[in-house]
Amino acid sequence: MAKKAVATFSGDRAAKRNLVKCIRMEKSERTGAYVFKEDFVATEKTKEYFQNK
């Protein structure tokens, strides 16, 4: 039987509710291919995350 993979955060439960998974597409300077960067960011800082490169 296959095992189910479950992702969990470490830390306080109240802090977990304020996190958002942001995925940003960037072009690699070395190969020219597009690369996806994934980060967990606080809900209030999502606009700042996408404005900064």
Protein backbone atom coordinates (compact mmCIF):
# COMPACT_ATOMS: atom_id res chain seq x y z
CA MET A 1 0.00 0.00 0.00
CA ALA A 2 1.13 3.54 -0.69
CA LYS A 3 1.93 5.87 2.15
CA LYS A 4 0.31 9.28 2.33
CA ALA A 5 2.71 12.21 2.63
CA VAL A 6 1.53 14.95 4.95
CA ALA A 7 3.25 18.33 5.18
CA THR A 8 3.25 19.99 8.57
CA PHE A 9 4.53 23.28 9.92
CA SER A 10 6.50 23.52 13.12
CA GLY A 11 5.57 26.14 15.66
CA ASP A 12 2.53 27.77 17.18
CA ARG A 13 -0.90 27.03 15.67
CA ALA A 14 -1.91 30.72 15.67
CA ALA A 15 1.19 31.63 13.67
CA LYS A 16 0.42 28.93 11.06
CA ARG A 17 -2.87 30.54 10.11
CA ASN A 18 -1.08 33.71 9.01
CA LEU A 19 1.19 32.00 6.48
CA VAL A 20 0.58 31.76 2.75
CA LYS A 21 2.49 29.67 0.23
CA CYS A 22 3.73 32.00 -2.52
CA ILE A 23 5.06 30.70 -5.82
CA ARG A 24 7.06 33.10 -7.98
CA MET A 25 8.32 32.40 -11.49
CA GLU A 26 11.84 33.65 -12.22
CA LYS A 27 14.03 33.36 -15.28
CA SER A 28 17.38 31.69 -14.65
CA GLU A 29 20.35 33.79 -15.72
CA ARG A 30 22.51 30.74 -16.37
CA THR A 31 20.19 28.64 -18.56
CA GLY A 32 17.43 31.08 -19.53
CA ALA A 33 14.79 28.60 -18.37
CA TYR A 34 12.02 29.56 -15.97
CA VAL A 35 12.36 28.41 -12.36
CA PHE A 36 9.63 28.39 -9.71
CA LYS A 37 10.52 29.69 -6.24
CA GLU A 38 8.22 28.61 -3.41
CA ASP A 39 8.20 30.25 0.02
CA PHE A 40 5.90 30.51 3.02
CA VAL A 41 5.26 34.20 3.69
CA ALA A 42 3.19 36.05 6.26
CA THR A 43 -0.18 37.15 4.85
CA GLU A 44 0.62 40.83 5.37
CA LYS A 45 3.89 40.61 3.41
CA THR A 46 2.69 38.93 0.22
CA LYS A 47 2.74 42.11 -1.88
CA GLU A 48 6.29 42.87 -0.73
CA TYR A 49 7.37 39.33 -1.62
CA PHE A 50 6.17 39.64 -5.21
CA GLN A 51 7.56 43.17 -5.66
CA ASN A 52 11.09 42.16 -4.58
CA LYS A 53 13.20 40.01 -6.84
